[in-house]
C-alpha cells in the first residue's frame, strides 16, 4: 500500500484521488474459468464408499472437489497411457 502525504488543498486531494482511480482501472481483470453444471447420478454403494472414504480425513474436500480431482487424475492417467502406446 502506498503512503501519501496529507493533501494541503482540495485541489491536491482531488489530484491524488484521480491518480489512484487511474492506477486501479489500468490493472487487467483476471479471467474466471467458465463453470458448467451437470447432474451426476451415482449408485448408492459408490456414494456410500465415497462418504466413508472422506469421513476420517482431517481436512475434508467437498464431494464436488474430490470428484473433480478424481476426474483430473483419470484424464491424466488416460492421456499418459495413450502417449505410451
C-alpha atoms as a PDB file:
ATOM      1  CA  UNK A   1       0.000   0.000   0.000  1.00  0.00           C
ATOM      2  CA  UNK A   2       1.351   3.391  -0.961  1.00  0.00           C
ATOM      3  CA  UNK A   3       1.558   6.019   1.767  1.00  0.00           C
ATOM      4  CA  UNK A   4       0.980   9.570   0.574  1.00  0.00           C
ATOM      5  CA  UNK A   5       1.400  12.959   2.176  1.00  0.00           C
ATOM      6  CA  UNK A   6      -1.725  14.591   3.527  1.00  0.00           C
ATOM      7  CA  UNK A   7      -3.068  16.906   0.805  1.00  0.00           C
ATOM      8  CA  UNK A   8      -2.746  20.621   1.582  1.00  0.00           C
ATOM      9  CA  UNK A   9      -5.670  21.731  -0.559  1.00  0.00           C
ATOM     10  CA  UNK A  10      -8.872  20.432  -2.033  1.00  0.00           C
ATOM     11  CA  UNK A  11      -7.307  20.511  -5.498  1.00  0.00           C
ATOM     12  CA  UNK A  12      -4.360  18.383  -4.317  1.00  0.00           C
ATOM     13  CA  UNK A  13      -6.800  15.920  -2.725  1.00  0.00           C
ATOM     14  CA  UNK A  14      -8.733  15.572  -5.995  1.00  0.00           C
ATOM     15  CA  UNK A  15      -5.495  15.148  -7.948  1.00  0.00           C
ATOM     16  CA  UNK A  16      -4.331  12.315  -5.650  1.00  0.00           C
ATOM     17  CA  UNK A  17      -7.718  10.598  -5.838  1.00  0.00           C
ATOM     18  CA  UNK A  18      -7.781  10.703  -9.628  1.00  0.00           C
ATOM     19  CA  UNK A  19      -4.335   9.063  -9.879  1.00  0.00           C
ATOM     20  CA  UNK A  20      -5.480   6.202  -7.649  1.00  0.00           C
ATOM     21  CA  UNK A  21      -8.527   5.579  -9.827  1.00  0.00           C
ATOM     22  CA  UNK A  22      -6.385   5.581 -12.965  1.00  0.00           C
ATOM     23  CA  UNK A  23      -3.947   3.072 -11.473  1.00  0.00           C
ATOM     24  CA  UNK A  24      -6.702   0.694 -10.418  1.00  0.00           C
ATOM     25  CA  UNK A  25      -8.532   0.833 -13.728  1.00  0.00           C
ATOM     26  CA  UNK A  26      -5.400   0.030 -15.733  1.00  0.00           C
ATOM     27  CA  UNK A  27      -4.919  -3.341 -13.991  1.00  0.00           C
ATOM     28  CA  UNK A  28      -6.307  -6.211 -16.090  1.00  0.00           C
ATOM     29  CA  UNK A  29      -9.186  -8.188 -14.609  1.00  0.00           C
ATOM     30  CA  UNK A  30      -8.310 -11.859 -14.008  1.00  0.00           C
ATOM     31  CA  UNK A  31     -10.382 -14.201 -16.158  1.00  0.00           C
ATOM     32  CA  UNK A  32     -12.643 -16.592 -14.320  1.00  0.00           C
ATOM     33  CA  UNK A  33     -12.873 -20.140 -15.562  1.00  0.00           C
ATOM     34  CA  UNK A  34     -16.220 -20.940 -17.108  1.00  0.00           C
ATOM     35  CA  UNK A  35     -18.133 -23.437 -14.994  1.00  0.00           C
ATOM     36  CA  UNK A  36     -20.781 -25.777 -16.326  1.00  0.00           C
ATOM     37  CA  UNK A  37     -23.238 -27.557 -14.092  1.00  0.00           C
ATOM     38  CA  UNK A  38     -24.230 -31.143 -14.624  1.00  0.00           C
ATOM     39  CA  UNK A  39     -26.275 -33.641 -12.690  1.00  0.00           C
ATOM     40  CA  UNK A  40     -24.338 -36.707 -11.626  1.00  0.00           C
ATOM     41  CA  UNK A  41     -26.168 -39.926 -10.823  1.00  0.00           C
ATOM     42  CA  UNK A  42     -24.144 -42.135  -8.506  1.00  0.00           C
ATOM     43  CA  UNK A  43     -25.106 -45.646  -7.429  1.00  0.00           C
ATOM     44  CA  UNK A  44     -25.716 -45.739  -3.686  1.00  0.00           C
ATOM     45  CA  UNK A  45     -22.865 -48.177  -2.960  1.00  0.00           C
ATOM     46  CA  UNK A  46     -20.339 -45.841  -4.664  1.00  0.00           C
ATOM     47  CA  UNK A  47     -21.819 -42.806  -2.893  1.00  0.00           C
ATOM     48  CA  UNK A  48     -21.537 -44.522   0.498  1.00  0.00           C
ATOM     49  CA  UNK A  49     -17.981 -45.653  -0.293  1.00  0.00           C
ATOM     50  CA  UNK A  50     -17.039 -42.036  -1.051  1.00  0.00           C
ATOM     51  CA  UNK A  51     -18.654 -40.823   2.172  1.00  0.00           C
ATOM     52  CA  UNK A  52     -16.772 -43.493   4.162  1.00  0.00           C
ATOM     53  CA  UNK A  53     -13.532 -42.528   2.400  1.00  0.00           C
ATOM     54  CA  UNK A  54     -13.935 -38.809   3.202  1.00  0.00           C
ATOM     55  CA  UNK A  55     -15.151 -39.290   6.798  1.00  0.00           C
ATOM     56  CA  UNK A  56     -11.783 -39.941   8.556  1.00  0.00           C
ATOM     57  CA  UNK A  57      -9.885 -37.164   6.756  1.00  0.00           C
ATOM     58  CA  UNK A  58      -8.735 -34.247   8.927  1.00  0.00           C
ATOM     59  CA  UNK A  59      -9.284 -31.708   6.155  1.00  0.00           C
ATOM     60  CA  UNK A  60     -12.192 -32.861   4.046  1.00  0.00           C
ATOM     61  CA  UNK A  61     -12.570 -31.657   0.497  1.00  0.00           C
ATOM     62  CA  UNK A  62     -16.164 -31.237  -0.590  1.00  0.00           C
ATOM     63  CA  UNK A  63     -17.638 -34.087  -2.575  1.00  0.00           C
ATOM     64  CA  UNK A  64     -17.551 -31.813  -5.612  1.00  0.00           C
ATOM     65  CA  UNK A  65     -13.824 -31.060  -5.150  1.00  0.00           C
ATOM     66  CA  UNK A  66     -12.982 -34.718  -4.610  1.00  0.00           C
ATOM     67  CA  UNK A  67     -14.888 -35.781  -7.736  1.00  0.00           C
ATOM     68  CA  UNK A  68     -13.154 -33.067  -9.794  1.00  0.00           C
ATOM     69  CA  UNK A  69      -9.730 -34.220  -8.513  1.00  0.00           C
ATOM     70  CA  UNK A  70     -10.605 -37.818  -9.408  1.00  0.00           C
ATOM     71  CA  UNK A  71     -11.679 -36.775 -12.914  1.00  0.00           C
ATOM     72  CA  UNK A  72      -8.425 -34.839 -13.437  1.00  0.00           C
ATOM     73  CA  UNK A  73      -6.351 -37.827 -12.253  1.00  0.00           C
ATOM     74  CA  UNK A  74      -8.238 -40.188 -14.569  1.00  0.00           C
ATOM     75  CA  UNK A  75      -7.788 -37.871 -17.570  1.00  0.00           C
ATOM     76  CA  UNK A  76      -4.055 -37.512 -16.813  1.00  0.00           C
ATOM     77  CA  UNK A  77      -3.660 -41.286 -16.447  1.00  0.00           C
ATOM     78  CA  UNK A  78      -5.529 -41.988 -19.697  1.00  0.00           C
ATOM     79  CA  UNK A  79      -3.521 -39.322 -21.555  1.00  0.00           C
ATOM     80  CA  UNK A  80      -0.255 -40.828 -20.335  1.00  0.00           C
ATOM     81  CA  UNK A  81      -1.398 -44.326 -21.407  1.00  0.00           C
ATOM     82  CA  UNK A  82      -2.340 -43.073 -24.887  1.00  0.00           C
ATOM     83  CA  UNK A  83       1.043 -41.355 -25.312  1.00  0.00           C
ATOM     84  CA  UNK A  84       2.952 -44.525 -24.399  1.00  0.00           C
ATOM     85  CA  UNK A  85       1.015 -46.742 -26.846  1.00  0.00           C
END
